[in-house]
């Protein structure tokens, strides 16, 4: 049970970081469909989706922790998980888990919103006198977010699976690290 809190903190912070950014980028890419902004976001998303989270972990560790020295290499020792120093030491792990989630969520939101923006009921709303912004915010976003909420459950499972490796890289004493140590030590009951 002592290992549960670091894993939950990293996963929750990663979700709080990645969900708003992913949804906002997806909405922006759908609104700017077939323009250079959409192409840039879609290309970046394909690159970020293709790379596993442990590669991000090593890149974040190299650039932000070693080169720029903004963050410590590993989580601060101690049990005060809600202090500012602990949060700062968790930021590299949060970023590493969040990049892939942002990319996947951006791609999914863009696809759903693009489909809704070309539907018949949105055309009807526009012919009734609503502006493009009003039709998008009142009707399109509501209908596009229904499948996105379902997608978020898969995102939570993906982040939990990715935290196994991330906890090893950043020396977090969470459930993922316990699982990795138990597998290498052949501790079957754990």
C-alpha atoms as a PDB file:
ATOM      1  CA  UNK A   1       0.000   0.000   0.000  1.00  0.00           C
ATOM      2  CA  UNK A   2       2.949   2.366   0.524  1.00  0.00           C
ATOM      3  CA  UNK A   3       3.798   1.986  -3.163  1.00  0.00           C
ATOM      4  CA  UNK A   4       0.351   2.998  -4.341  1.00  0.00           C
ATOM      5  CA  UNK A   5       0.587   6.742  -3.682  1.00  0.00           C
ATOM      6  CA  UNK A   6       3.579   7.552  -5.957  1.00  0.00           C
ATOM      7  CA  UNK A   7       2.010   5.614  -8.837  1.00  0.00           C
ATOM      8  CA  UNK A   8      -1.360   7.300  -8.370  1.00  0.00           C
ATOM      9  CA  UNK A   9       0.244  10.741  -8.153  1.00  0.00           C
ATOM     10  CA  UNK A  10       2.251  10.318 -11.344  1.00  0.00           C
ATOM     11  CA  UNK A  11      -0.728   8.889 -13.219  1.00  0.00           C
ATOM     12  CA  UNK A  12      -3.194  11.547 -12.034  1.00  0.00           C
ATOM     13  CA  UNK A  13      -0.783  14.412 -12.708  1.00  0.00           C
ATOM     14  CA  UNK A  14      -0.082  12.962 -16.137  1.00  0.00           C
ATOM     15  CA  UNK A  15      -3.802  12.803 -16.912  1.00  0.00           C
ATOM     16  CA  UNK A  16      -4.346  16.352 -15.646  1.00  0.00           C
ATOM     17  CA  UNK A  17      -1.489  17.510 -17.867  1.00  0.00           C
ATOM     18  CA  UNK A  18      -2.311  15.589 -21.026  1.00  0.00           C
ATOM     19  CA  UNK A  19      -6.119  15.605 -21.301  1.00  0.00           C
ATOM     20  CA  UNK A  20      -6.674  19.388 -21.669  1.00  0.00           C
ATOM     21  CA  UNK A  21      -3.736  19.799 -24.044  1.00  0.00           C
ATOM     22  CA  UNK A  22      -4.776  16.810 -26.176  1.00  0.00           C
ATOM     23  CA  UNK A  23      -8.389  17.957 -26.428  1.00  0.00           C
ATOM     24  CA  UNK A  24      -7.399  21.546 -27.230  1.00  0.00           C
ATOM     25  CA  UNK A  25      -4.956  20.481 -29.960  1.00  0.00           C
ATOM     26  CA  UNK A  26      -7.544  18.104 -31.426  1.00  0.00           C
ATOM     27  CA  UNK A  27     -10.191  20.830 -31.552  1.00  0.00           C
ATOM     28  CA  UNK A  28      -7.747  23.282 -33.122  1.00  0.00           C
ATOM     29  CA  UNK A  29      -6.645  20.748 -35.749  1.00  0.00           C
ATOM     30  CA  UNK A  30     -10.259  19.902 -36.629  1.00  0.00           C
ATOM     31  CA  UNK A  31     -11.217  23.553 -37.004  1.00  0.00           C
ATOM     32  CA  UNK A  32      -8.147  24.226 -39.175  1.00  0.00           C
ATOM     33  CA  UNK A  33      -8.707  21.089 -41.268  1.00  0.00           C
ATOM     34  CA  UNK A  34      -6.550  20.830 -44.424  1.00  0.00           C
ATOM     35  CA  UNK A  35      -4.524  23.924 -43.541  1.00  0.00           C
ATOM     36  CA  UNK A  36      -0.866  24.102 -42.565  1.00  0.00           C
ATOM     37  CA  UNK A  37      -1.715  24.082 -38.830  1.00  0.00           C
ATOM     38  CA  UNK A  38      -3.598  20.812 -39.224  1.00  0.00           C
ATOM     39  CA  UNK A  39      -0.750  19.292 -41.219  1.00  0.00           C
ATOM     40  CA  UNK A  40       1.802  20.337 -38.610  1.00  0.00           C
ATOM     41  CA  UNK A  41      -0.270  18.960 -35.723  1.00  0.00           C
ATOM     42  CA  UNK A  42      -1.099  15.725 -37.571  1.00  0.00           C
ATOM     43  CA  UNK A  43       2.537  15.094 -38.497  1.00  0.00           C
ATOM     44  CA  UNK A  44       3.684  15.788 -34.935  1.00  0.00           C
ATOM     45  CA  UNK A  45       0.967  13.493 -33.594  1.00  0.00           C
ATOM     46  CA  UNK A  46       2.115  10.622 -35.825  1.00  0.00           C
ATOM     47  CA  UNK A  47       5.683  11.032 -34.582  1.00  0.00           C
ATOM     48  CA  UNK A  48       4.636  11.217 -30.927  1.00  0.00           C
ATOM     49  CA  UNK A  49       2.242   8.257 -31.176  1.00  0.00           C
ATOM     50  CA  UNK A  50       4.945   6.083 -32.716  1.00  0.00           C
ATOM     51  CA  UNK A  51       7.512   6.578 -29.952  1.00  0.00           C
ATOM     52  CA  UNK A  52       7.131   4.624 -26.680  1.00  0.00           C
ATOM     53  CA  UNK A  53       7.066   6.449 -23.349  1.00  0.00           C
ATOM     54  CA  UNK A  54      10.444   5.149 -22.169  1.00  0.00           C
ATOM     55  CA  UNK A  55      12.138   6.885 -25.114  1.00  0.00           C
ATOM     56  CA  UNK A  56      10.511  10.125 -23.982  1.00  0.00           C
ATOM     57  CA  UNK A  57      11.749   9.343 -20.488  1.00  0.00           C
ATOM     58  CA  UNK A  58      15.349   9.151 -21.657  1.00  0.00           C
ATOM     59  CA  UNK A  59      15.011  12.279 -23.816  1.00  0.00           C
ATOM     60  CA  UNK A  60      13.390  14.257 -21.012  1.00  0.00           C
ATOM     61  CA  UNK A  61      16.007  13.028 -18.592  1.00  0.00           C
ATOM     62  CA  UNK A  62      18.824  13.978 -20.953  1.00  0.00           C
ATOM     63  CA  UNK A  63      17.585  17.414 -22.023  1.00  0.00           C
ATOM     64  CA  UNK A  64      15.650  18.726 -19.023  1.00  0.00           C
ATOM     65  CA  UNK A  65      17.551  17.016 -16.215  1.00  0.00           C
ATOM     66  CA  UNK A  66      21.111  16.751 -17.535  1.00  0.00           C
ATOM     67  CA  UNK A  67      21.634  19.501 -20.113  1.00  0.00           C
ATOM     68  CA  UNK A  68      19.355  22.245 -18.757  1.00  0.00           C
ATOM     69  CA  UNK A  69      19.345  20.998 -15.131  1.00  0.00           C
ATOM     70  CA  UNK A  70      15.777  22.189 -14.542  1.00  0.00           C
ATOM     71  CA  UNK A  71      14.732  19.044 -12.688  1.00  0.00           C
ATOM     72  CA  UNK A  72      16.473  16.401 -10.563  1.00  0.00           C
ATOM     73  CA  UNK A  73      17.282  13.038 -12.157  1.00  0.00           C
ATOM     74  CA  UNK A  74      15.266  11.044  -9.668  1.00  0.00           C
ATOM     75  CA  UNK A  75      12.384  11.602  -7.289  1.00  0.00           C
ATOM     76  CA  UNK A  76      13.329  13.213  -4.005  1.00  0.00           C
ATOM     77  CA  UNK A  77      13.627  10.698  -1.190  1.00  0.00           C
ATOM     78  CA  UNK A  78      11.087  10.933   1.607  1.00  0.00           C
ATOM     79  CA  UNK A  79       7.429  10.453   2.211  1.00  0.00           C
ATOM     80  CA  UNK A  80       6.107  13.993   1.825  1.00  0.00           C
ATOM     81  CA  UNK A  81       4.479  13.387  -1.553  1.00  0.00           C
ATOM     82  CA  UNK A  82       2.475  16.606  -1.554  1.00  0.00           C
ATOM     83  CA  UNK A  83       5.358  19.053  -1.207  1.00  0.00           C
ATOM     84  CA  UNK A  84       6.566  21.351  -3.970  1.00  0.00           C
ATOM     85  CA  UNK A  85       9.986  19.648  -4.158  1.00  0.00           C
ATOM     86  CA  UNK A  86       8.373  16.265  -4.715  1.00  0.00           C
ATOM     87  CA  UNK A  87       6.104  17.683  -7.420  1.00  0.00           C
ATOM     88  CA  UNK A  88       9.078  19.260  -9.209  1.00  0.00           C
ATOM     89  CA  UNK A  89      10.941  15.961  -9.083  1.00  0.00           C
ATOM     90  CA  UNK A  90       7.889  14.193 -10.571  1.00  0.00           C
ATOM     91  CA  UNK A  91       7.595  16.582 -13.550  1.00  0.00           C
ATOM     92  CA  UNK A  92       9.971  14.632 -15.848  1.00  0.00           C
ATOM     93  CA  UNK A  93       7.984  11.425 -15.263  1.00  0.00           C
ATOM     94  CA  UNK A  94       4.711  13.284 -15.817  1.00  0.00           C
ATOM     95  CA  UNK A  95       5.979  14.744 -19.092  1.00  0.00           C
ATOM     96  CA  UNK A  96       7.255  11.362 -20.270  1.00  0.00           C
ATOM     97  CA  UNK A  97       3.893   9.712 -19.652  1.00  0.00           C
ATOM     98  CA  UNK A  98       1.934  12.637 -21.070  1.00  0.00           C
ATOM     99  CA  UNK A  99       3.457  13.031 -24.539  1.00  0.00           C
ATOM    100  CA  UNK A 100       2.008   9.848 -25.996  1.00  0.00           C
ATOM    101  CA  UNK A 101      -1.350  10.490 -24.362  1.00  0.00           C
ATOM    102  CA  UNK A 102      -1.520  14.000 -25.789  1.00  0.00           C
ATOM    103  CA  UNK A 103      -0.781  12.665 -29.266  1.00  0.00           C
ATOM    104  CA  UNK A 104      -3.349   9.874 -29.114  1.00  0.00           C
ATOM    105  CA  UNK A 105      -6.041  12.113 -27.690  1.00  0.00           C
ATOM    106  CA  UNK A 106      -5.334  14.837 -30.257  1.00  0.00           C
ATOM    107  CA  UNK A 107      -5.699  12.369 -33.110  1.00  0.00           C
ATOM    108  CA  UNK A 108      -8.934  10.930 -31.729  1.00  0.00           C
ATOM    109  CA  UNK A 109     -10.574  14.296 -30.963  1.00  0.00           C
ATOM    110  CA  UNK A 110      -9.622  15.622 -34.389  1.00  0.00           C
ATOM    111  CA  UNK A 111     -11.157  12.614 -36.137  1.00  0.00           C
ATOM    112  CA  UNK A 112     -14.387  12.767 -34.136  1.00  0.00           C
ATOM    113  CA  UNK A 113     -14.826  16.521 -34.433  1.00  0.00           C
ATOM    114  CA  UNK A 114     -14.046  16.500 -38.152  1.00  0.00           C
ATOM    115  CA  UNK A 115     -16.761  13.908 -38.667  1.00  0.00           C
ATOM    116  CA  UNK A 116     -19.286  15.907 -36.647  1.00  0.00           C
ATOM    117  CA  UNK A 117     -18.411  19.176 -38.401  1.00  0.00           C
ATOM    118  CA  UNK A 118     -19.380  17.643 -41.754  1.00  0.00           C
ATOM    119  CA  UNK A 119     -22.668  16.146 -40.538  1.00  0.00           C
ATOM    120  CA  UNK A 120     -26.135  17.155 -41.675  1.00  0.00           C
ATOM    121  CA  UNK A 121     -27.411  18.472 -38.351  1.00  0.00           C
ATOM    122  CA  UNK A 122     -24.555  20.988 -38.198  1.00  0.00           C
ATOM    123  CA  UNK A 123     -25.437  22.183 -41.691  1.00  0.00           C
ATOM    124  CA  UNK A 124     -29.019  22.637 -40.480  1.00  0.00           C
ATOM    125  CA  UNK A 125     -27.799  24.642 -37.475  1.00  0.00           C
ATOM    126  CA  UNK A 126     -25.797  26.884 -39.801  1.00  0.00           C
ATOM    127  CA  UNK A 127     -28.794  27.425 -42.099  1.00  0.00           C
ATOM    128  CA  UNK A 128     -30.913  28.410 -39.090  1.00  0.00           C
ATOM    129  CA  UNK A 129     -28.596  31.359 -38.569  1.00  0.00           C
ATOM    130  CA  UNK A 130     -25.962  30.189 -36.107  1.00  0.00           C
ATOM    131  CA  UNK A 131     -22.428  31.355 -36.805  1.00  0.00           C
ATOM    132  CA  UNK A 132     -19.693  28.805 -37.345  1.00  0.00           C
ATOM    133  CA  UNK A 133     -18.331  29.369 -33.828  1.00  0.00           C
ATOM    134  CA  UNK A 134     -21.782  29.042 -32.249  1.00  0.00           C
ATOM    135  CA  UNK A 135     -22.584  25.873 -34.174  1.00  0.00           C
ATOM    136  CA  UNK A 136     -19.221  24.393 -33.266  1.00  0.00           C
ATOM    137  CA  UNK A 137     -19.401  25.151 -29.550  1.00  0.00           C
ATOM    138  CA  UNK A 138     -23.111  24.460 -29.016  1.00  0.00           C
ATOM    139  CA  UNK A 139     -23.600  21.388 -31.169  1.00  0.00           C
ATOM    140  CA  UNK A 140     -20.418  19.904 -32.609  1.00  0.00           C
ATOM    141  CA  UNK A 141     -18.323  19.764 -29.435  1.00  0.00           C
ATOM    142  CA  UNK A 142     -21.103  18.136 -27.416  1.00  0.00           C
ATOM    143  CA  UNK A 143     -21.565  15.364 -29.956  1.00  0.00           C
ATOM    144  CA  UNK A 144     -17.856  14.852 -30.582  1.00  0.00           C
ATOM    145  CA  UNK A 145     -17.005  14.512 -26.879  1.00  0.00           C
ATOM    146  CA  UNK A 146     -19.259  11.494 -26.276  1.00  0.00           C
ATOM    147  CA  UNK A 147     -16.821   8.972 -27.823  1.00  0.00           C
ATOM    148  CA  UNK A 148     -13.868  10.906 -26.404  1.00  0.00           C
ATOM    149  CA  UNK A 149     -15.042  10.201 -22.841  1.00  0.00           C
ATOM    150  CA  UNK A 150     -15.034   6.490 -23.672  1.00  0.00           C
ATOM    151  CA  UNK A 151     -11.565   6.842 -25.147  1.00  0.00           C
ATOM    152  CA  UNK A 152     -10.324   8.364 -21.886  1.00  0.00           C
ATOM    153  CA  UNK A 153     -10.786   5.038 -20.085  1.00  0.00           C
ATOM    154  CA  UNK A 154      -8.333   3.456 -22.511  1.00  0.00           C
ATOM    155  CA  UNK A 155      -5.971   6.380 -21.942  1.00  0.00           C
ATOM    156  CA  UNK A 156      -6.014   5.700 -18.196  1.00  0.00           C
ATOM    157  CA  UNK A 157      -5.052   2.064 -18.780  1.00  0.00           C
ATOM    158  CA  UNK A 158      -2.308   3.125 -21.192  1.00  0.00           C
ATOM    159  CA  UNK A 159      -0.809   5.532 -18.667  1.00  0.00           C
ATOM    160  CA  UNK A 160      -0.885   2.884 -15.939  1.00  0.00           C
ATOM    161  CA  UNK A 161       0.928   0.430 -18.219  1.00  0.00           C
ATOM    162  CA  UNK A 162       3.487   3.045 -19.224  1.00  0.00           C
ATOM    163  CA  UNK A 163       4.220   3.943 -15.626  1.00  0.00           C
ATOM    164  CA  UNK A 164       5.847   0.534 -15.067  1.00  0.00           C
ATOM    165  CA  UNK A 165       8.832   1.511 -17.192  1.00  0.00           C
ATOM    166  CA  UNK A 166       8.757   5.199 -16.251  1.00  0.00           C
ATOM    167  CA  UNK A 167       9.033   4.329 -12.553  1.00  0.00           C
ATOM    168  CA  UNK A 168      12.141   2.306 -13.311  1.00  0.00           C
ATOM    169  CA  UNK A 169      13.770   5.123 -15.290  1.00  0.00           C
ATOM    170  CA  UNK A 170      13.043   7.865 -12.737  1.00  0.00           C
ATOM    171  CA  UNK A 171      13.511   5.670  -9.647  1.00  0.00           C
ATOM    172  CA  UNK A 172       9.977   6.133  -8.330  1.00  0.00           C
ATOM    173  CA  UNK A 173       9.076   3.712  -5.573  1.00  0.00           C
ATOM    174  CA  UNK A 174       5.641   2.858  -6.930  1.00  0.00           C
ATOM    175  CA  UNK A 175       3.690  -0.205  -7.993  1.00  0.00           C
ATOM    176  CA  UNK A 176       5.356  -0.305 -11.417  1.00  0.00           C
ATOM    177  CA  UNK A 177       8.797  -0.522  -9.867  1.00  0.00           C
ATOM    178  CA  UNK A 178       7.603  -3.192  -7.424  1.00  0.00           C
ATOM    179  CA  UNK A 179       6.215  -5.173 -10.352  1.00  0.00           C
ATOM    180  CA  UNK A 180       9.448  -4.874 -12.364  1.00  0.00           C
ATOM    181  CA  UNK A 181      11.603  -5.893  -9.406  1.00  0.00           C
ATOM    182  CA  UNK A 182       9.277  -8.815  -8.646  1.00  0.00           C
ATOM    183  CA  UNK A 183       9.426 -10.045 -12.231  1.00  0.00           C
ATOM    184  CA  UNK A 184      13.214  -9.917 -12.346  1.00  0.00           C
ATOM    185  CA  UNK A 185      13.450 -11.586  -8.916  1.00  0.00           C
ATOM    186  CA  UNK A 186      10.828 -14.226  -9.844  1.00  0.00           C
ATOM    187  CA  UNK A 187       8.682 -13.303  -6.879  1.00  0.00           C
ATOM    188  CA  UNK A 188       5.492 -14.969  -8.120  1.00  0.00           C
ATOM    189  CA  UNK A 189       3.156 -14.115  -5.202  1.00  0.00           C
ATOM    190  CA  UNK A 190       3.693 -10.380  -5.760  1.00  0.00           C
END
